[in-house]
Amino acid sequence: MITMKKVIIKTMMMAGILMLAACGTKKAVVQEKKPAVDASSGATTQVQKPETPKVSAAQQAELQRMDFLHRVAATACGSEYVSSRISLNIQSGSKDITVPGVIRMKKDDVIRIHVQIPLLGSEVGRLEFTKDYVLIMDRLHKQYFKADYNQVDFLKRHGLTFCSLQALFWNELTVPGYTKLTDAALKKLNVNFGQASSTPITMSDGNMEYVWNADNLTGRIKDVAVAYGTKTAGNTKLTVKYDDFKPLGMGQFPAKLGIGMNTTAIKGKAKSMNLNISLNNPSANSDWETRTEISKKYKQVSVDDVLKILMNL
C-alpha cells in the first residue's frame, strides 16, 4: 500500500507542476415612414426615406466575428461554484493510475483537486490554485510546495496565471491581461470561419499560441490547444478536450476533461502526461472552505525538490 501511495503522490505532483507549465450584435432597423397628410388640402406629402448606411465588406466581417465571439462567451455556465466527486486518471510514461478524488472551484478565486486512495477514501494529496499562489500538498510525507506564480520559472516563462488556468478548467475563452471578456479583449481574438462543424478561434501572445475550437451551432468550446516554444526554453503544448456536458447554473458544464501535456522545458528532457478528470455529478455546492490551512507539522519543500521528484519518476 505504501508503494501505491508513493506512486500516486509522485504522479500527482508531476501532474500539478506540468499543468502549470492555459450578445448578439444588434442590427439597426430603420422604420419606413408613412406619407404625411396635409390637414388643409387633404393632399399627401411624400417624406423622403432616410438612406440605409452602407456597410462595407470589412465591417460585415467584423460584425460576424464579434457576433460569434459573443455567442461563445455566452456559453459559460454562470455558476459561481463547481463541486463534484471525480475519477482521476493519470497517465505518464508506463504508469496508468486511476484514483478517486474531489474537485472544488469558486469562480475568480480558487481551483482545488483532492486526490484520494482507492477504496480507503483517505486523502493523500491536494492541488490548490488561487489568484495568489499554487499549493501542492503531499499528505503521506507531510510536506508541501507553495509559491507565487512568478516565483516558479517554468510558470513565469510560460505566462501561466490563475486566469489562464481557470479558463481551461471552466471551458471558457481567455485573453492575457484581461480578467473579463470585454469587447476590448474579444477584439484580440481571430475567428477562422469556413470549417464544417467547428470554428477555430486563435490568438498569439508573445511566444504563446492559442487555438480554441467552438461548435458552429451551439458556440460551445469543444477543445483548446496552447503552445509555447523558444530555442532556449524548450517547447510545451497543452491540450484540453471537453465532453459530456451537464446542466449547471444557467448553462452547462463539461463532466469530462481530457488534459494532455508535452514539454521539453524541464532540463531539456521530454515529458508527457495525460490527466483525465470525470465529474460524477457537478453541482453548485458552496459549503466548503476556499483556502487550505497548512499544519505546522508539514515541511515546505523547494522548487528544486519538486523537480528532482519529477525527474526521478
C-alpha atoms as a PDB file:
ATOM      1  CA  MET A   1       0.000   0.000   0.000  1.00  0.00           C
ATOM      2  CA  ILE A   2       2.871   2.396   0.823  1.00  0.00           C
ATOM      3  CA  THR A   3       4.345   1.806  -2.650  1.00  0.00           C
ATOM      4  CA  MET A   4       0.983   2.568  -4.230  1.00  0.00           C
ATOM      5  CA  LYS A   5       0.703   5.755  -2.148  1.00  0.00           C
ATOM      6  CA  LYS A   6       4.190   6.864  -3.252  1.00  0.00           C
ATOM      7  CA  VAL A   7       3.331   6.315  -6.919  1.00  0.00           C
ATOM      8  CA  ILE A   8       0.119   8.320  -6.525  1.00  0.00           C
ATOM      9  CA  ILE A   9       1.913  11.159  -4.729  1.00  0.00           C
ATOM     10  CA  LYS A  10       4.770  11.375  -7.235  1.00  0.00           C
ATOM     11  CA  THR A  11       2.498  11.244 -10.231  1.00  0.00           C
ATOM     12  CA  MET A  12       0.090  13.718  -8.674  1.00  0.00           C
ATOM     13  CA  MET A  13       2.894  16.213  -8.023  1.00  0.00           C
ATOM     14  CA  MET A  14       4.117  15.873 -11.568  1.00  0.00           C
ATOM     15  CA  ALA A  15       0.611  16.492 -12.828  1.00  0.00           C
ATOM     16  CA  GLY A  16       0.356  19.629 -10.729  1.00  0.00           C
ATOM     17  CA  ILE A  17       3.622  21.133 -11.985  1.00  0.00           C
ATOM     18  CA  LEU A  18       3.144  20.212 -15.634  1.00  0.00           C
ATOM     19  CA  MET A  19      -0.369  21.578 -15.664  1.00  0.00           C
ATOM     20  CA  LEU A  20       1.217  24.844 -14.560  1.00  0.00           C
ATOM     21  CA  ALA A  21       3.919  24.625 -17.298  1.00  0.00           C
ATOM     22  CA  ALA A  22      -3.651  27.983 -20.157  1.00  0.00           C
ATOM     23  CA  CYS A  23     -24.526  39.113 -27.142  1.00  0.00           C
ATOM     24  CA  GLY A  24     -25.511  39.020 -30.476  1.00  0.00           C
ATOM     25  CA  THR A  25     -24.822  42.239 -32.379  1.00  0.00           C
ATOM     26  CA  LYS A  26     -27.976  44.278 -32.697  1.00  0.00           C
ATOM     27  CA  LYS A  27     -28.692  45.452 -36.209  1.00  0.00           C
ATOM     28  CA  ALA A  28     -30.195  48.893 -36.619  1.00  0.00           C
ATOM     29  CA  VAL A  29     -33.712  48.742 -38.036  1.00  0.00           C
ATOM     30  CA  VAL A  30     -34.863  51.771 -39.984  1.00  0.00           C
ATOM     31  CA  GLN A  31     -38.641  52.022 -39.911  1.00  0.00           C
ATOM     32  CA  GLU A  32     -40.236  53.288 -43.093  1.00  0.00           C
ATOM     33  CA  LYS A  33     -42.253  56.455 -42.508  1.00  0.00           C
ATOM     34  CA  LYS A  34     -45.784  56.702 -43.903  1.00  0.00           C
ATOM     35  CA  PRO A  35     -46.709  59.632 -46.151  1.00  0.00           C
ATOM     36  CA  ALA A  36     -47.777  62.742 -44.212  1.00  0.00           C
ATOM     37  CA  VAL A  37     -51.249  64.223 -44.832  1.00  0.00           C
ATOM     38  CA  ASP A  38     -51.743  67.987 -45.267  1.00  0.00           C
ATOM     39  CA  ALA A  39     -54.708  68.857 -42.983  1.00  0.00           C
ATOM     40  CA  SER A  40     -55.918  71.823 -45.129  1.00  0.00           C
ATOM     41  CA  SER A  41     -55.904  70.206 -48.575  1.00  0.00           C
ATOM     42  CA  GLY A  42     -56.019  66.543 -47.794  1.00  0.00           C
ATOM     43  CA  ALA A  43     -53.080  66.026 -50.096  1.00  0.00           C
ATOM     44  CA  THR A  44     -50.323  63.716 -49.114  1.00  0.00           C
ATOM     45  CA  THR A  45     -46.745  64.827 -48.908  1.00  0.00           C
ATOM     46  CA  GLN A  46     -44.073  62.290 -49.675  1.00  0.00           C
ATOM     47  CA  VAL A  47     -41.494  62.036 -46.915  1.00  0.00           C
ATOM     48  CA  GLN A  48     -38.081  61.063 -48.174  1.00  0.00           C
ATOM     49  CA  LYS A  49     -36.863  57.760 -46.740  1.00  0.00           C
ATOM     50  CA  PRO A  50     -33.599  58.006 -44.829  1.00  0.00           C
ATOM     51  CA  GLU A  51     -30.786  56.218 -46.583  1.00  0.00           C
ATOM     52  CA  THR A  52     -29.646  52.956 -45.026  1.00  0.00           C
ATOM     53  CA  PRO A  53     -25.991  53.317 -44.006  1.00  0.00           C
ATOM     54  CA  LYS A  54     -23.787  51.329 -46.310  1.00  0.00           C
ATOM     55  CA  VAL A  55     -21.781  48.607 -44.591  1.00  0.00           C
ATOM     56  CA  SER A  56     -18.501  47.599 -46.166  1.00  0.00           C
ATOM     57  CA  ALA A  57     -17.376  44.009 -46.531  1.00  0.00           C
ATOM     58  CA  ALA A  58     -14.769  44.593 -43.832  1.00  0.00           C
ATOM     59  CA  GLN A  59     -17.411  45.935 -41.428  1.00  0.00           C
ATOM     60  CA  GLN A  60     -19.701  42.985 -42.153  1.00  0.00           C
ATOM     61  CA  ALA A  61     -16.841  40.581 -41.449  1.00  0.00           C
ATOM     62  CA  GLU A  62     -16.097  42.348 -38.164  1.00  0.00           C
ATOM     63  CA  LEU A  63     -19.765  42.194 -37.098  1.00  0.00           C
ATOM     64  CA  GLN A  64     -19.849  38.484 -37.904  1.00  0.00           C
ATOM     65  CA  ARG A  65     -16.631  37.862 -35.962  1.00  0.00           C
ATOM     66  CA  MET A  66     -17.781  39.722 -32.848  1.00  0.00           C
ATOM     67  CA  ASP A  67     -21.228  38.120 -33.012  1.00  0.00           C
ATOM     68  CA  PHE A  68     -19.681  34.635 -32.959  1.00  0.00           C
ATOM     69  CA  LEU A  69     -17.291  35.529 -30.118  1.00  0.00           C
ATOM     70  CA  HIS A  70     -20.220  36.851 -28.062  1.00  0.00           C
ATOM     71  CA  ARG A  71     -22.036  33.553 -28.653  1.00  0.00           C
ATOM     72  CA  VAL A  72     -19.020  31.569 -27.458  1.00  0.00           C
ATOM     73  CA  ALA A  73     -18.548  33.764 -24.368  1.00  0.00           C
ATOM     74  CA  ALA A  74     -22.254  33.379 -23.535  1.00  0.00           C
ATOM     75  CA  THR A  75     -21.931  29.567 -23.210  1.00  0.00           C
ATOM     76  CA  ALA A  76     -20.299  29.941 -19.758  1.00  0.00           C
ATOM     77  CA  CYS A  77     -22.313  28.002 -17.162  1.00  0.00           C
ATOM     78  CA  GLY A  78     -22.821  31.089 -14.999  1.00  0.00           C
ATOM     79  CA  SER A  79     -22.414  29.271 -11.680  1.00  0.00           C
ATOM     80  CA  GLU A  80     -20.122  30.788  -9.053  1.00  0.00           C
ATOM     81  CA  TYR A  81     -19.225  27.349  -7.652  1.00  0.00           C
ATOM     82  CA  VAL A  82     -18.498  23.901  -9.103  1.00  0.00           C
ATOM     83  CA  SER A  83     -18.155  20.893  -6.821  1.00  0.00           C
ATOM     84  CA  SER A  84     -18.110  17.159  -7.549  1.00  0.00           C
ATOM     85  CA  ARG A  85     -16.604  13.799  -6.697  1.00  0.00           C
ATOM     86  CA  ILE A  86     -14.282  12.776  -9.513  1.00  0.00           C
ATOM     87  CA  SER A  87     -12.427   9.884 -11.058  1.00  0.00           C
ATOM     88  CA  LEU A  88      -8.864  10.968 -11.799  1.00  0.00           C
ATOM     89  CA  ASN A  89      -6.872   9.022 -14.383  1.00  0.00           C
ATOM     90  CA  ILE A  90      -3.153   9.881 -14.654  1.00  0.00           C
ATOM     91  CA  GLN A  91      -1.005   8.533 -17.481  1.00  0.00           C
ATOM     92  CA  SER A  92       2.727   9.226 -17.519  1.00  0.00           C
ATOM     93  CA  GLY A  93       5.252   7.008 -19.262  1.00  0.00           C
ATOM     94  CA  SER A  94       4.451   3.411 -18.333  1.00  0.00           C
ATOM     95  CA  LYS A  95       2.232   4.484 -15.431  1.00  0.00           C
ATOM     96  CA  ASP A  96      -1.544   4.434 -15.749  1.00  0.00           C
ATOM     97  CA  ILE A  97      -3.277   5.128 -12.443  1.00  0.00           C
ATOM     98  CA  THR A  98      -6.933   5.828 -11.673  1.00  0.00           C
ATOM     99  CA  VAL A  99      -7.826   7.227  -8.266  1.00  0.00           C
ATOM    100  CA  PRO A 100     -10.913   8.843  -6.735  1.00  0.00           C
ATOM    101  CA  GLY A 101     -10.985  12.445  -5.633  1.00  0.00           C
ATOM    102  CA  VAL A 102     -12.936  15.668  -5.323  1.00  0.00           C
ATOM    103  CA  ILE A 103     -12.830  18.879  -7.339  1.00  0.00           C
ATOM    104  CA  ARG A 104     -13.971  22.195  -5.855  1.00  0.00           C
ATOM    105  CA  MET A 105     -13.849  25.529  -7.649  1.00  0.00           C
ATOM    106  CA  LYS A 106     -15.017  29.057  -6.947  1.00  0.00           C
ATOM    107  CA  LYS A 107     -15.054  31.451  -9.874  1.00  0.00           C
ATOM    108  CA  ASP A 108     -12.256  34.032  -9.848  1.00  0.00           C
ATOM    109  CA  ASP A 109     -10.953  32.640  -6.545  1.00  0.00           C
ATOM    110  CA  VAL A 110      -9.759  29.021  -6.314  1.00  0.00           C
ATOM    111  CA  ILE A 111      -9.382  25.667  -8.088  1.00  0.00           C
ATOM    112  CA  ARG A 112      -8.745  22.654  -5.860  1.00  0.00           C
ATOM    113  CA  ILE A 113      -8.306  18.925  -6.552  1.00  0.00           C
ATOM    114  CA  HIS A 114      -8.236  16.391  -3.710  1.00  0.00           C
ATOM    115  CA  VAL A 115      -6.528  13.069  -4.525  1.00  0.00           C
ATOM    116  CA  GLN A 116      -7.634  10.034  -2.521  1.00  0.00           C
ATOM    117  CA  ILE A 117      -6.571   6.393  -2.013  1.00  0.00           C
ATOM    118  CA  PRO A 118      -8.782   3.877  -3.857  1.00  0.00           C
ATOM    119  CA  LEU A 119     -11.262   2.030  -1.601  1.00  0.00           C
ATOM    120  CA  LEU A 120      -9.975   3.693   1.586  1.00  0.00           C
ATOM    121  CA  GLY A 121     -11.017   7.195   0.513  1.00  0.00           C
ATOM    122  CA  SER A 122      -8.447   8.994   2.664  1.00  0.00           C
ATOM    123  CA  GLU A 123      -6.743  11.999   1.077  1.00  0.00           C
ATOM    124  CA  VAL A 124      -3.099  11.617   0.074  1.00  0.00           C
ATOM    125  CA  GLY A 125      -2.566  14.755  -1.965  1.00  0.00           C
ATOM    126  CA  ARG A 126      -4.035  18.129  -2.848  1.00  0.00           C
ATOM    127  CA  LEU A 127      -3.542  20.643  -5.664  1.00  0.00           C
ATOM    128  CA  GLU A 128      -4.751  24.177  -4.983  1.00  0.00           C
ATOM    129  CA  PHE A 129      -4.576  27.134  -7.357  1.00  0.00           C
ATOM    130  CA  THR A 130      -5.638  30.580  -6.159  1.00  0.00           C
ATOM    131  CA  LYS A 131      -5.173  34.057  -7.596  1.00  0.00           C
ATOM    132  CA  ASP A 132      -2.064  34.471  -5.431  1.00  0.00           C
ATOM    133  CA  TYR A 133      -0.329  31.098  -5.210  1.00  0.00           C
ATOM    134  CA  VAL A 134      -0.129  27.442  -6.199  1.00  0.00           C
ATOM    135  CA  LEU A 135      -0.087  24.767  -3.497  1.00  0.00           C
ATOM    136  CA  ILE A 136       0.848  21.089  -3.793  1.00  0.00           C
ATOM    137  CA  MET A 137       0.380  19.003  -0.637  1.00  0.00           C
ATOM    138  CA  ASP A 138       1.867  15.556  -0.001  1.00  0.00           C
ATOM    139  CA  ARG A 139      -0.046  14.230   2.994  1.00  0.00           C
ATOM    140  CA  LEU A 140       1.831  10.916   3.013  1.00  0.00           C
ATOM    141  CA  HIS A 141       5.215  12.532   3.675  1.00  0.00           C
ATOM    142  CA  LYS A 142       3.777  15.633   5.384  1.00  0.00           C
ATOM    143  CA  GLN A 143       5.366  18.098   3.008  1.00  0.00           C
ATOM    144  CA  TYR A 144       4.134  20.831   0.729  1.00  0.00           C
ATOM    145  CA  PHE A 145       5.172  23.218  -2.025  1.00  0.00           C
ATOM    146  CA  LYS A 146       3.687  26.711  -2.096  1.00  0.00           C
ATOM    147  CA  ALA A 147       4.738  29.666  -4.220  1.00  0.00           C
ATOM    148  CA  ASP A 148       3.632  32.716  -6.141  1.00  0.00           C
ATOM    149  CA  TYR A 149       3.232  32.092  -9.884  1.00  0.00           C
ATOM    150  CA  ASN A 150       6.105  34.471 -10.638  1.00  0.00           C
ATOM    151  CA  GLN A 151       8.398  32.603  -8.241  1.00  0.00           C
ATOM    152  CA  VAL A 152       8.385  29.486 -10.407  1.00  0.00           C
ATOM    153  CA  ASP A 153      10.481  29.957 -13.538  1.00  0.00           C
ATOM    154  CA  PHE A 154       8.537  27.336 -15.522  1.00  0.00           C
ATOM    155  CA  LEU A 155       5.248  29.146 -14.871  1.00  0.00           C
ATOM    156  CA  LYS A 156       6.657  32.619 -15.400  1.00  0.00           C
ATOM    157  CA  ARG A 157       8.233  31.773 -18.758  1.00  0.00           C
ATOM    158  CA  HIS A 158       5.012  30.170 -19.993  1.00  0.00           C
ATOM    159  CA  GLY A 159       2.849  33.071 -18.867  1.00  0.00           C
ATOM    160  CA  LEU A 160       0.613  30.790 -16.823  1.00  0.00           C
ATOM    161  CA  THR A 161      -1.642  32.649 -14.412  1.00  0.00           C
ATOM    162  CA  PHE A 162      -4.721  31.826 -12.385  1.00  0.00           C
ATOM    163  CA  CYS A 163      -6.914  33.380 -15.084  1.00  0.00           C
ATOM    164  CA  SER A 164      -5.486  31.179 -17.838  1.00  0.00           C
ATOM    165  CA  LEU A 165      -5.781  28.016 -15.700  1.00  0.00           C
ATOM    166  CA  GLN A 166      -9.332  28.909 -14.710  1.00  0.00           C
ATOM    167  CA  ALA A 167     -10.366  29.302 -18.352  1.00  0.00           C
ATOM    168  CA  LEU A 168      -9.050  25.802 -19.098  1.00  0.00           C
ATOM    169  CA  PHE A 169     -10.995  24.227 -16.225  1.00  0.00           C
ATOM    170  CA  TRP A 170     -14.177  26.253 -16.791  1.00  0.00           C
ATOM    171  CA  ASN A 171     -14.378  25.722 -20.569  1.00  0.00           C
ATOM    172  CA  GLU A 172     -14.002  29.408 -21.424  1.00  0.00           C
ATOM    173  CA  LEU A 173     -12.001  31.795 -23.586  1.00  0.00           C
ATOM    174  CA  THR A 174      -9.190  33.802 -22.005  1.00  0.00           C
ATOM    175  CA  VAL A 175      -7.156  36.805 -23.115  1.00  0.00           C
ATOM    176  CA  PRO A 176      -3.875  37.571 -21.291  1.00  0.00           C
ATOM    177  CA  GLY A 177      -4.031  40.879 -19.468  1.00  0.00           C
ATOM    178  CA  TYR A 178      -7.836  40.801 -19.124  1.00  0.00           C
ATOM    179  CA  THR A 179      -9.808  39.332 -16.216  1.00  0.00           C
ATOM    180  CA  LYS A 180     -13.124  39.758 -18.063  1.00  0.00           C
ATOM    181  CA  LEU A 181     -14.119  39.059 -21.662  1.00  0.00           C
ATOM    182  CA  THR A 182     -14.921  42.641 -22.619  1.00  0.00           C
ATOM    183  CA  ASP A 183     -15.236  43.717 -26.258  1.00  0.00           C
ATOM    184  CA  ALA A 184     -11.721  45.130 -25.999  1.00  0.00           C
ATOM    185  CA  ALA A 185     -10.486  41.657 -25.009  1.00  0.00           C
ATOM    186  CA  LEU A 186     -12.510  39.827 -27.669  1.00  0.00           C
ATOM    187  CA  LYS A 187     -11.113  42.081 -30.394  1.00  0.00           C
ATOM    188  CA  LYS A 188      -7.719  40.459 -29.824  1.00  0.00           C
ATOM    189  CA  LEU A 189      -9.091  37.085 -30.967  1.00  0.00           C
ATOM    190  CA  ASN A 190      -9.227  35.872 -34.562  1.00  0.00           C
ATOM    191  CA  VAL A 191     -12.063  33.739 -35.942  1.00  0.00           C
ATOM    192  CA  ASN A 192     -11.470  31.425 -38.902  1.00  0.00           C
ATOM    193  CA  PHE A 193     -14.853  30.717 -40.477  1.00  0.00           C
ATOM    194  CA  GLY A 194     -15.479  28.024 -43.083  1.00  0.00           C
ATOM    195  CA  GLN A 195     -14.971  24.798 -41.136  1.00  0.00           C
ATOM    196  CA  ALA A 196     -17.619  22.071 -41.244  1.00  0.00           C
ATOM    197  CA  SER A 197     -18.647  21.518 -37.623  1.00  0.00           C
ATOM    198  CA  SER A 198     -16.490  23.825 -35.523  1.00  0.00           C
ATOM    199  CA  THR A 199     -14.820  27.209 -35.905  1.00  0.00           C
ATOM    200  CA  PRO A 200     -11.228  27.839 -34.757  1.00  0.00           C
ATOM    201  CA  ILE A 201     -10.616  30.898 -32.591  1.00  0.00           C
ATOM    202  CA  THR A 202      -6.937  31.832 -32.450  1.00  0.00           C
ATOM    203  CA  MET A 203      -4.675  34.253 -30.633  1.00  0.00           C
ATOM    204  CA  SER A 204      -0.945  34.936 -30.452  1.00  0.00           C
ATOM    205  CA  ASP A 205       0.602  36.448 -27.345  1.00  0.00           C
ATOM    206  CA  GLY A 206       4.379  36.653 -27.482  1.00  0.00           C
ATOM    207  CA  ASN A 207       5.634  33.048 -27.657  1.00  0.00           C
ATOM    208  CA  MET A 208       2.191  31.672 -26.824  1.00  0.00           C
ATOM    209  CA  GLU A 209      -0.271  30.376 -29.412  1.00  0.00           C
ATOM    210  CA  TYR A 210      -3.902  29.603 -28.517  1.00  0.00           C
ATOM    211  CA  VAL A 211      -6.434  27.673 -30.608  1.00  0.00           C
ATOM    212  CA  TRP A 212      -9.985  27.073 -29.394  1.00  0.00           C
ATOM    213  CA  ASN A 213     -12.443  25.047 -31.480  1.00  0.00           C
ATOM    214  CA  ALA A 214     -16.048  26.178 -30.914  1.00  0.00           C
ATOM    215  CA  ASP A 215     -19.120  24.318 -32.126  1.00  0.00           C
ATOM    216  CA  ASN A 216     -20.767  26.116 -35.047  1.00  0.00           C
ATOM    217  CA  LEU A 217     -24.307  25.509 -33.766  1.00  0.00           C
ATOM    218  CA  THR A 218     -24.010  25.960 -30.007  1.00  0.00           C
ATOM    219  CA  GLY A 219     -20.897  28.142 -29.736  1.00  0.00           C
ATOM    220  CA  ARG A 220     -19.628  25.783 -27.037  1.00  0.00           C
ATOM    221  CA  ILE A 221     -15.850  25.222 -26.849  1.00  0.00           C
ATOM    222  CA  LYS A 222     -15.030  21.613 -27.765  1.00  0.00           C
ATOM    223  CA  ASP A 223     -11.265  21.733 -27.211  1.00  0.00           C
ATOM    224  CA  VAL A 224      -8.333  24.098 -26.785  1.00  0.00           C
ATOM    225  CA  ALA A 225      -4.608  23.878 -27.526  1.00  0.00           C
ATOM    226  CA  VAL A 226      -1.994  26.166 -26.009  1.00  0.00           C
ATOM    227  CA  ALA A 227       1.575  26.040 -27.367  1.00  0.00           C
ATOM    228  CA  TYR A 228       4.719  27.767 -26.151  1.00  0.00           C
ATOM    229  CA  GLY A 229       8.214  27.471 -27.556  1.00  0.00           C
ATOM    230  CA  THR A 230      11.621  29.145 -27.739  1.00  0.00           C
ATOM    231  CA  LYS A 231      15.074  27.846 -28.610  1.00  0.00           C
ATOM    232  CA  THR A 232      16.340  28.387 -25.069  1.00  0.00           C
ATOM    233  CA  ALA A 233      13.268  27.445 -23.019  1.00  0.00           C
ATOM    234  CA  GLY A 234      12.082  24.396 -24.975  1.00  0.00           C
ATOM    235  CA  ASN A 235       8.604  23.620 -26.230  1.00  0.00           C
ATOM    236  CA  THR A 236       5.393  22.941 -24.339  1.00  0.00           C
ATOM    237  CA  LYS A 237       1.952  22.085 -25.665  1.00  0.00           C
ATOM    238  CA  LEU A 238      -1.166  21.742 -23.526  1.00  0.00           C
ATOM    239  CA  THR A 239      -4.464  20.431 -24.885  1.00  0.00           C
ATOM    240  CA  VAL A 240      -7.836  20.149 -23.172  1.00  0.00           C
ATOM    241  CA  LYS A 241     -10.846  18.316 -24.601  1.00  0.00           C
ATOM    242  CA  TYR A 242     -14.354  18.795 -23.170  1.00  0.00           C
ATOM    243  CA  ASP A 243     -17.192  16.276 -23.277  1.00  0.00           C
ATOM    244  CA  ASP A 244     -20.372  15.045 -21.552  1.00  0.00           C
ATOM    245  CA  PHE A 245     -21.898  18.454 -20.779  1.00  0.00           C
ATOM    246  CA  LYS A 246     -24.389  18.529 -17.906  1.00  0.00           C
ATOM    247  CA  PRO A 247     -26.755  21.261 -16.636  1.00  0.00           C
ATOM    248  CA  LEU A 248     -25.202  23.637 -14.113  1.00  0.00           C
ATOM    249  CA  GLY A 249     -26.167  27.177 -13.226  1.00  0.00           C
ATOM    250  CA  MET A 250     -27.772  28.890 -16.212  1.00  0.00           C
ATOM    251  CA  GLY A 251     -25.885  26.748 -18.708  1.00  0.00           C
ATOM    252  CA  GLN A 252     -23.927  23.510 -18.978  1.00  0.00           C
ATOM    253  CA  PHE A 253     -20.586  22.309 -17.645  1.00  0.00           C
ATOM    254  CA  PRO A 254     -18.291  19.586 -19.087  1.00  0.00           C
ATOM    255  CA  ALA A 255     -18.306  16.480 -16.878  1.00  0.00           C
ATOM    256  CA  LYS A 256     -15.250  15.138 -18.699  1.00  0.00           C
ATOM    257  CA  LEU A 257     -11.956  16.979 -19.174  1.00  0.00           C
ATOM    258  CA  GLY A 258      -9.082  15.339 -21.025  1.00  0.00           C
ATOM    259  CA  ILE A 259      -5.848  17.238 -20.352  1.00  0.00           C
ATOM    260  CA  GLY A 260      -2.681  16.412 -22.273  1.00  0.00           C
ATOM    261  CA  MET A 261       0.797  17.893 -21.817  1.00  0.00           C
ATOM    262  CA  ASN A 262       4.008  17.504 -23.777  1.00  0.00           C
ATOM    263  CA  THR A 263       7.070  19.520 -22.765  1.00  0.00           C
ATOM    264  CA  THR A 264      10.831  19.714 -23.168  1.00  0.00           C
ATOM    265  CA  ALA A 265      11.043  22.692 -20.803  1.00  0.00           C
ATOM    266  CA  ILE A 266      12.234  20.688 -17.783  1.00  0.00           C
ATOM    267  CA  LYS A 267      16.013  20.428 -18.207  1.00  0.00           C
ATOM    268  CA  GLY A 268      15.534  19.659 -21.889  1.00  0.00           C
ATOM    269  CA  LYS A 269      14.096  16.228 -21.168  1.00  0.00           C
ATOM    270  CA  ALA A 270      10.854  15.406 -22.956  1.00  0.00           C
ATOM    271  CA  LYS A 271       7.942  14.769 -20.635  1.00  0.00           C
ATOM    272  CA  SER A 272       4.385  13.813 -21.470  1.00  0.00           C
ATOM    273  CA  MET A 273       1.341  13.364 -19.324  1.00  0.00           C
ATOM    274  CA  ASN A 274      -2.387  12.800 -19.711  1.00  0.00           C
ATOM    275  CA  LEU A 275      -4.827  13.739 -16.991  1.00  0.00           C
ATOM    276  CA  ASN A 276      -8.452  12.651 -17.438  1.00  0.00           C
ATOM    277  CA  ILE A 277     -10.979  14.086 -14.990  1.00  0.00           C
ATOM    278  CA  SER A 278     -14.533  12.698 -14.852  1.00  0.00           C
ATOM    279  CA  LEU A 279     -17.009  14.582 -12.673  1.00  0.00           C
ATOM    280  CA  ASN A 280     -19.643  12.282 -11.195  1.00  0.00           C
ATOM    281  CA  ASN A 281     -22.356  14.868 -10.583  1.00  0.00           C
ATOM    282  CA  PRO A 282     -21.267  18.527 -10.836  1.00  0.00           C
ATOM    283  CA  SER A 283     -23.207  20.860  -8.554  1.00  0.00           C
ATOM    284  CA  ALA A 284     -23.053  24.442  -7.293  1.00  0.00           C
ATOM    285  CA  ASN A 285     -22.362  23.381  -3.691  1.00  0.00           C
ATOM    286  CA  SER A 286     -20.611  26.186  -1.782  1.00  0.00           C
ATOM    287  CA  ASP A 287     -20.372  24.537   1.652  1.00  0.00           C
ATOM    288  CA  TRP A 288     -16.584  24.261   1.842  1.00  0.00           C
ATOM    289  CA  GLU A 289     -13.578  26.347   2.844  1.00  0.00           C
ATOM    290  CA  THR A 290     -11.887  28.142  -0.039  1.00  0.00           C
ATOM    291  CA  ARG A 291      -8.396  28.063   1.471  1.00  0.00           C
ATOM    292  CA  THR A 292      -6.284  25.193   2.812  1.00  0.00           C
ATOM    293  CA  GLU A 293      -4.745  25.601   6.243  1.00  0.00           C
ATOM    294  CA  ILE A 294      -1.292  24.019   6.417  1.00  0.00           C
ATOM    295  CA  SER A 295      -0.389  22.221   9.625  1.00  0.00           C
ATOM    296  CA  LYS A 296       2.841  23.201  11.385  1.00  0.00           C
ATOM    297  CA  LYS A 297       3.800  19.523  11.166  1.00  0.00           C
ATOM    298  CA  TYR A 298       4.251  19.871   7.408  1.00  0.00           C
ATOM    299  CA  LYS A 299       7.620  20.740   5.881  1.00  0.00           C
ATOM    300  CA  GLN A 300       7.854  23.129   2.956  1.00  0.00           C
ATOM    301  CA  VAL A 301       9.974  21.899   0.061  1.00  0.00           C
ATOM    302  CA  SER A 302      11.582  23.960  -2.691  1.00  0.00           C
ATOM    303  CA  VAL A 303      11.003  24.030  -6.423  1.00  0.00           C
ATOM    304  CA  ASP A 304      14.264  22.108  -6.882  1.00  0.00           C
ATOM    305  CA  ASP A 305      12.971  19.361  -4.582  1.00  0.00           C
ATOM    306  CA  VAL A 306       9.813  19.061  -6.659  1.00  0.00           C
ATOM    307  CA  LEU A 307      11.794  18.947  -9.914  1.00  0.00           C
ATOM    308  CA  LYS A 308      14.023  16.186  -8.522  1.00  0.00           C
ATOM    309  CA  ILE A 309      10.925  14.124  -7.765  1.00  0.00           C
ATOM    310  CA  LEU A 310       9.661  14.726 -11.297  1.00  0.00           C
ATOM    311  CA  MET A 311      12.926  13.747 -12.966  1.00  0.00           C
ATOM    312  CA  ASN A 312      13.079  10.511 -10.974  1.00  0.00           C
ATOM    313  CA  LEU A 313       9.579   9.362 -11.920  1.00  0.00           C
END
